[in-house]
Amino acid sequence: MQLDLFSDNRRTILLNDAGACLRRLDLEKAIAVYAGLLDDFPGDREIQRLQSSTGHWLDTLARFRVSPLGRERLHELWLRLEDDTPPLLADGILHMLIVELEKLPTPELIYRPPRFHIGVMMLSAGRYAEAEQWFAKALGGGIEMRARFFAWRGDALTLGGDNARARKSYLAAFLEGPHYVDIESLESHTIRELHFSLESEYGDEAGDDSVSWLPVWGWLHGEFSLSMDEITRDRNAFRDFIEKAEGAGNITLPRLWFECLRYGEFLRTLNRDDSELVRVRRRMREICGFMFDRYMAKLKGQ
């Protein structure tokens, strides 16, 4: 009975064995297993495809290993990881890329758009805590396109179950560079739904700036919080910052509205100043009446 069971499951058992070989990049052994399977199951298209793809990668890796795998060669190898690469083989190559990147100086600062970064690879490998640490290192090390890395850090925290810190990271992404954030690829269903609701209610007026309004919209819906630290340290300096930024034209209207919101909430909750609050709210209404109406409705509902 046991022999019959093995015979019946032979294909599955040997495919699993070959898959383990793929994951540890023992490709010659995997090819040998596939060859044996094709002797027993001639014409099996799945096995033929696996054998062909494995043979292709055996040749590719042999060529790459002729010389040291610097960042450019690793990037080239990453680009060859196409969608039709067998998943277990892709896992093995991903692990190899991570190991090789870790050997290089400041791997956290090695980035090629759109997604070649060790943190992204850690995300793909399901190593969320490590991914978050690499994104944090990149941000601390002066990586460019910071908004993209804040968003990825938010993804890592979301997948790791730390939603509170994830929201802070997503907020930072939308404040620093909203147009660098790919909303549809975010791991947070809540943030994607937040954007959908914003576009549904304000989409025509917001146009291409809908993502830029997410910090405001997120606060209105209770997803984002407002930091008051800068204002508490020096209220006058913060007020001057807003006025100078607006006067120089180097701040977007959604970001200006958000900073006015922070200042207004500071004046309402921490350092009551009715005359200044009236002035700030008047400016908020001038910038965007739609958001101002929802802001006042939120306050009335508290």
Protein backbone atom coordinates (compact mmCIF):
# COMPACT_ATOMS: atom_id res chain seq x y z
CA MET A 1 0.00 0.00 0.00
CA GLN A 2 2.82 2.41 0.90
CA LEU A 3 4.58 1.68 -2.40
CA ASP A 4 1.35 2.28 -4.30
CA LEU A 5 0.87 5.56 -2.45
CA PHE A 6 4.40 6.67 -3.34
CA SER A 7 3.86 5.67 -6.93
CA ASP A 8 0.63 7.65 -7.11
CA ASN A 9 2.26 10.72 -5.57
CA ARG A 10 5.63 10.36 -7.26
CA ARG A 11 5.17 13.40 -9.48
CA THR A 12 4.18 15.66 -6.57
CA ILE A 13 6.95 14.39 -4.28
CA LEU A 14 9.66 14.85 -6.89
CA LEU A 15 8.34 18.30 -7.88
CA ASN A 16 8.58 19.29 -4.22
CA ASP A 17 12.15 17.99 -4.12
CA ALA A 18 13.00 20.02 -7.22
CA GLY A 19 11.33 23.06 -5.67
CA ALA A 20 13.57 22.77 -2.60
CA CYS A 21 16.56 22.69 -4.97
CA LEU A 22 15.32 25.84 -6.70
CA ARG A 23 14.99 27.71 -3.41
CA ARG A 24 18.60 26.95 -2.45
CA LEU A 25 19.75 27.55 -6.07
CA ASP A 26 20.97 23.98 -6.57
CA LEU A 27 19.84 24.28 -10.16
CA GLU A 28 21.80 21.39 -11.67
CA LYS A 29 20.14 18.97 -9.26
CA ALA A 30 16.72 20.49 -10.00
CA ILE A 31 17.26 19.99 -13.73
CA ALA A 32 18.24 16.36 -13.10
CA VAL A 33 15.02 15.82 -11.12
CA TYR A 34 12.98 17.35 -13.96
CA ALA A 35 14.76 15.12 -16.48
CA GLY A 36 13.84 12.05 -14.46
CA LEU A 37 10.24 13.23 -14.18
CA LEU A 38 10.02 13.72 -17.95
CA ASP A 39 11.18 10.12 -18.41
CA ASP A 40 8.14 9.07 -16.38
CA PHE A 41 5.79 11.79 -17.63
CA PRO A 42 6.85 12.61 -21.21
CA GLY A 43 5.14 15.64 -22.68
CA ASP A 44 4.22 17.15 -19.28
CA ARG A 45 4.19 20.85 -20.16
CA GLU A 46 4.54 22.13 -16.60
CA ILE A 47 7.68 20.08 -16.02
CA GLN A 48 9.06 21.11 -19.41
CA ARG A 49 8.49 24.77 -18.55
CA LEU A 50 10.17 24.39 -15.16
CA GLN A 51 13.13 22.58 -16.69
CA SER A 52 13.53 25.22 -19.41
CA SER A 53 13.34 28.15 -17.00
CA THR A 54 15.76 26.50 -14.58
CA GLY A 55 18.23 25.84 -17.40
CA HIS A 56 17.98 29.48 -18.47
CA TRP A 57 18.74 30.67 -14.94
CA LEU A 58 21.59 28.18 -14.55
CA ASP A 59 23.28 29.76 -17.58
CA THR A 60 22.43 33.30 -16.43
CA LEU A 61 23.85 32.84 -12.93
CA ALA A 62 26.98 31.17 -14.31
CA ARG A 63 27.65 34.24 -16.47
CA PHE A 64 27.01 36.63 -13.59
CA ARG A 65 29.30 34.78 -11.19
CA VAL A 66 32.30 35.16 -13.49
CA SER A 67 33.04 38.57 -11.92
CA PRO A 68 32.10 40.27 -8.60
CA LEU A 69 28.44 41.13 -8.21
CA GLY A 70 28.51 44.90 -7.70
CA ARG A 71 25.40 47.05 -7.47
CA GLU A 72 24.98 47.48 -11.23
CA ARG A 73 25.23 43.77 -11.94
CA LEU A 74 22.84 42.99 -9.09
CA HIS A 75 20.41 45.50 -10.54
CA GLU A 76 20.68 43.84 -13.93
CA LEU A 77 20.00 40.46 -12.32
CA TRP A 78 16.99 41.92 -10.51
CA LEU A 79 15.59 43.17 -13.82
CA ARG A 80 15.73 39.62 -15.20
CA LEU A 81 13.35 38.39 -12.49
CA GLU A 82 10.34 38.34 -14.77
CA ASP A 83 6.82 37.31 -13.83
CA ASP A 84 7.20 33.86 -15.38
CA THR A 85 10.20 32.91 -13.22
CA PRO A 86 9.10 29.92 -11.08
CA PRO A 87 8.18 31.32 -7.63
CA LEU A 88 10.54 29.06 -5.65
CA LEU A 89 13.40 29.93 -7.98
CA ALA A 90 12.54 33.62 -7.66
CA ASP A 91 12.68 33.18 -3.86
CA GLY A 92 16.17 31.72 -4.13
CA ILE A 93 17.42 34.50 -6.39
CA LEU A 94 15.83 37.12 -4.13
CA HIS A 95 17.67 35.67 -1.13
CA MET A 96 20.93 35.71 -3.08
CA LEU A 97 20.40 39.36 -4.08
CA ILE A 98 19.79 40.32 -0.44
CA VAL A 99 22.92 38.50 0.73
CA GLU A 100 25.05 40.12 -1.97
CA LEU A 101 23.66 43.61 -1.32
CA GLU A 102 24.39 43.27 2.40
CA LYS A 103 28.06 42.78 1.52
CA LEU A 104 28.26 46.20 -0.17
CA PRO A 105 28.94 49.53 1.59
CA THR A 106 25.78 51.36 2.77
CA PRO A 107 23.32 48.98 1.08
CA GLU A 108 20.43 51.08 2.40
CA LEU A 109 21.41 53.87 -0.01
CA ILE A 110 21.60 51.63 -3.09
CA TYR A 111 18.45 52.37 -5.06
CA ARG A 112 17.43 52.21 -8.69
CA PRO A 113 13.88 53.29 -9.58
CA PRO A 114 11.31 52.05 -9.44
CA ARG A 115 11.84 49.24 -6.87
CA PHE A 116 15.44 48.05 -6.70
CA HIS A 117 16.23 48.36 -3.00
CA ILE A 118 17.10 45.88 -0.29
CA GLY A 119 14.05 46.91 1.74
CA VAL A 120 11.71 46.14 -1.15
CA MET A 121 13.35 42.75 -1.52
CA MET A 122 12.84 42.10 2.19
CA LEU A 123 9.17 42.99 1.74
CA SER A 124 8.87 40.54 -1.15
CA ALA A 125 10.54 37.86 0.99
CA GLY A 126 8.06 38.42 3.83
CA ARG A 127 10.75 39.78 6.18
CA TYR A 128 8.73 42.80 7.26
CA ALA A 129 10.60 43.85 10.40
CA GLU A 130 13.92 43.81 8.55
CA ALA A 131 12.38 45.68 5.63
CA GLU A 132 11.16 48.42 7.96
CA GLN A 133 14.64 48.74 9.47
CA TRP A 134 16.26 49.08 6.04
CA PHE A 135 13.77 51.76 4.98
CA ALA A 136 14.42 53.62 8.25
CA LYS A 137 18.18 53.43 7.60
CA ALA A 138 17.69 54.76 4.08
CA LEU A 139 15.64 57.70 5.35
CA GLY A 140 18.17 58.41 8.07
CA GLY A 141 21.01 58.19 5.57
CA GLY A 142 19.68 60.85 3.19
CA ILE A 143 18.08 58.72 0.46
CA GLU A 144 16.40 60.67 -2.34
CA MET A 145 12.69 60.25 -3.15
CA ARG A 146 12.00 60.14 0.58
CA ALA A 147 8.24 59.98 0.09
CA ARG A 148 8.55 56.66 -1.70
CA PHE A 149 10.57 55.23 1.20
CA PHE A 150 8.14 56.54 3.82
CA ALA A 151 5.36 54.79 1.90
CA TRP A 152 7.33 51.52 1.73
CA ARG A 153 8.10 51.82 5.42
CA GLY A 154 4.36 52.22 6.00
CA ASP A 155 3.79 49.04 3.98
CA ALA A 156 6.34 47.12 6.07
CA LEU A 157 4.74 48.32 9.30
CA THR A 158 1.26 47.51 8.00
CA LEU A 159 2.24 43.97 7.04
CA GLY A 160 3.97 43.63 10.41
CA GLY A 161 0.78 44.63 12.22
CA ASP A 162 1.97 48.02 13.56
CA ASN A 163 -0.82 50.14 12.13
CA ALA A 164 -0.26 53.17 14.37
CA ARG A 165 3.33 53.66 13.22
CA ALA A 166 2.32 52.79 9.67
CA ARG A 167 -0.14 55.70 9.58
CA LYS A 168 2.59 58.10 10.72
CA SER A 169 4.85 56.87 7.93
CA TYR A 170 2.14 57.15 5.28
CA LEU A 171 1.37 60.68 6.47
CA ALA A 172 5.05 61.61 6.14
CA ALA A 173 5.02 60.21 2.59
CA PHE A 174 2.03 62.30 1.53
CA LEU A 175 3.52 65.42 3.08
CA GLU A 176 6.99 65.01 1.59
CA GLY A 177 6.09 64.03 -1.96
CA PRO A 178 2.58 62.74 -2.63
CA HIS A 179 3.17 62.22 -6.34
CA TYR A 180 5.96 59.74 -5.60
CA VAL A 181 3.48 57.47 -3.84
CA ASP A 182 1.76 54.73 -5.83
CA ILE A 183 -1.58 54.59 -4.02
CA GLU A 184 -2.78 51.42 -5.71
CA SER A 185 0.28 49.45 -4.59
CA LEU A 186 0.03 50.42 -0.90
CA GLU A 187 -0.50 47.51 1.46
CA SER A 188 -2.93 49.47 3.65
CA HIS A 189 -6.52 48.87 2.58
CA THR A 190 -7.55 51.74 4.87
CA ILE A 191 -5.35 54.27 3.07
CA ARG A 192 -6.46 53.08 -0.36
CA GLU A 193 -10.10 53.40 0.72
CA LEU A 194 -9.36 56.85 2.16
CA HIS A 195 -8.07 57.97 -1.23
CA PHE A 196 -11.08 56.44 -2.98
CA SER A 197 -13.50 58.31 -0.72
CA LEU A 198 -11.58 61.56 -1.31
CA GLU A 199 -11.74 61.17 -5.07
CA SER A 200 -15.43 60.25 -4.88
CA GLU A 201 -16.33 63.40 -2.95
CA TYR A 202 -13.73 65.89 -4.12
CA GLY A 203 -12.16 64.30 -7.19
CA ASP A 204 -13.35 66.70 -9.88
CA GLU A 205 -12.19 69.78 -7.98
CA ALA A 206 -8.93 68.23 -6.73
CA GLY A 207 -7.87 66.90 -10.12
CA ASP A 208 -4.31 65.56 -10.07
CA ASP A 209 -3.86 66.97 -6.55
CA SER A 210 -6.16 64.47 -4.84
CA VAL A 211 -3.23 62.58 -3.28
CA SER A 212 -1.84 65.86 -1.96
CA TRP A 213 -5.05 66.37 0.02
CA LEU A 214 -4.79 63.01 1.80
CA PRO A 215 -3.10 64.43 4.96
CA VAL A 216 -6.08 66.75 5.46
CA TRP A 217 -8.66 64.16 4.46
CA GLY A 218 -7.02 61.55 6.67
CA TRP A 219 -7.18 63.85 9.69
CA LEU A 220 -10.82 64.68 9.00
CA HIS A 221 -11.58 60.94 9.02
CA GLY A 222 -9.55 60.19 12.13
CA GLU A 223 -6.73 58.29 10.44
CA PHE A 224 -3.92 60.84 10.82
CA SER A 225 -2.96 62.88 13.85
CA LEU A 226 -1.46 66.36 14.04
CA SER A 227 1.97 66.95 15.53
CA MET A 228 2.13 70.15 17.57
CA ASP A 229 5.79 69.89 18.60
CA GLU A 230 7.16 72.59 16.29
CA ILE A 231 4.38 75.02 17.15
CA THR A 232 4.72 74.41 20.88
CA ARG A 233 8.46 75.10 20.71
CA ASP A 234 8.05 78.42 18.90
CA ARG A 235 4.60 79.54 17.80
CA ASN A 236 5.80 82.74 16.16
CA ALA A 237 8.46 80.96 14.14
CA PHE A 238 5.88 78.48 12.86
CA ARG A 239 3.47 81.26 11.88
CA ASP A 240 6.31 83.06 10.08
CA PHE A 241 7.23 79.83 8.28
CA ILE A 242 3.71 79.49 6.89
CA GLU A 243 3.55 83.10 5.77
CA LYS A 244 7.00 83.09 4.14
CA ALA A 245 6.35 79.79 2.36
CA GLU A 246 3.07 81.09 0.97
CA GLY A 247 4.60 84.41 -0.03
CA ALA A 248 7.47 82.71 -1.86
CA GLY A 249 5.07 80.34 -3.62
CA ASN A 250 7.10 77.28 -2.63
CA ILE A 251 4.30 75.43 -0.85
CA THR A 252 1.34 73.70 -2.46
CA LEU A 253 -2.18 74.70 -1.47
CA PRO A 254 -2.96 71.27 0.08
CA ARG A 255 0.22 71.45 2.18
CA LEU A 256 -0.53 75.06 3.13
CA TRP A 257 -4.03 74.07 4.23
CA PHE A 258 -2.60 71.23 6.32
CA GLU A 259 -0.12 73.54 8.06
CA CYS A 260 -2.91 76.06 8.71
CA LEU A 261 -4.93 73.17 10.13
CA ARG A 262 -2.10 72.31 12.52
CA TYR A 263 -1.75 75.92 13.58
CA GLY A 264 -5.50 76.38 13.93
CA GLU A 265 -5.87 73.28 16.08
CA PHE A 266 -2.99 74.46 18.24
CA LEU A 267 -4.77 77.78 18.75
CA ARG A 268 -8.06 76.01 19.49
CA THR A 269 -6.85 73.28 21.84
CA LEU A 270 -3.47 74.17 23.37
CA ASN A 271 -3.04 77.93 23.31
CA ARG A 272 -6.40 79.60 22.87
CA ASP A 273 -6.20 82.79 20.85
CA ASP A 274 -9.58 83.58 19.31
CA SER A 275 -8.53 86.55 17.18
CA GLU A 276 -5.63 84.64 15.61
CA LEU A 277 -7.82 81.56 15.21
CA VAL A 278 -10.40 83.59 13.28
CA ARG A 279 -7.65 84.87 10.97
CA VAL A 280 -6.30 81.36 10.32
CA ARG A 281 -9.73 79.89 9.68
CA ARG A 282 -10.56 82.67 7.27
CA ARG A 283 -7.47 81.75 5.26
CA MET A 284 -8.41 78.06 5.37
CA ARG A 285 -11.82 78.88 3.94
CA GLU A 286 -10.25 81.01 1.19
CA ILE A 287 -7.88 78.23 0.17
CA CYS A 288 -10.47 75.46 0.05
CA GLY A 289 -14.08 75.94 1.04
CA PHE A 290 -14.86 72.25 0.56
CA MET A 291 -12.30 71.15 3.16
CA PHE A 292 -13.21 74.02 5.48
CA ASP A 293 -16.87 72.98 5.53
CA ARG A 294 -15.91 69.44 6.47
CA TYR A 295 -13.48 70.73 9.08
CA MET A 296 -16.19 72.76 10.79
CA ALA A 297 -18.62 69.84 10.56
CA LYS A 298 -16.05 67.63 12.30
CA LEU A 299 -15.64 70.15 15.13
CA LYS A 300 -19.39 70.46 15.59
CA GLY A 301 -19.64 66.69 15.83
CA GLN A 302 -17.04 66.40 18.59
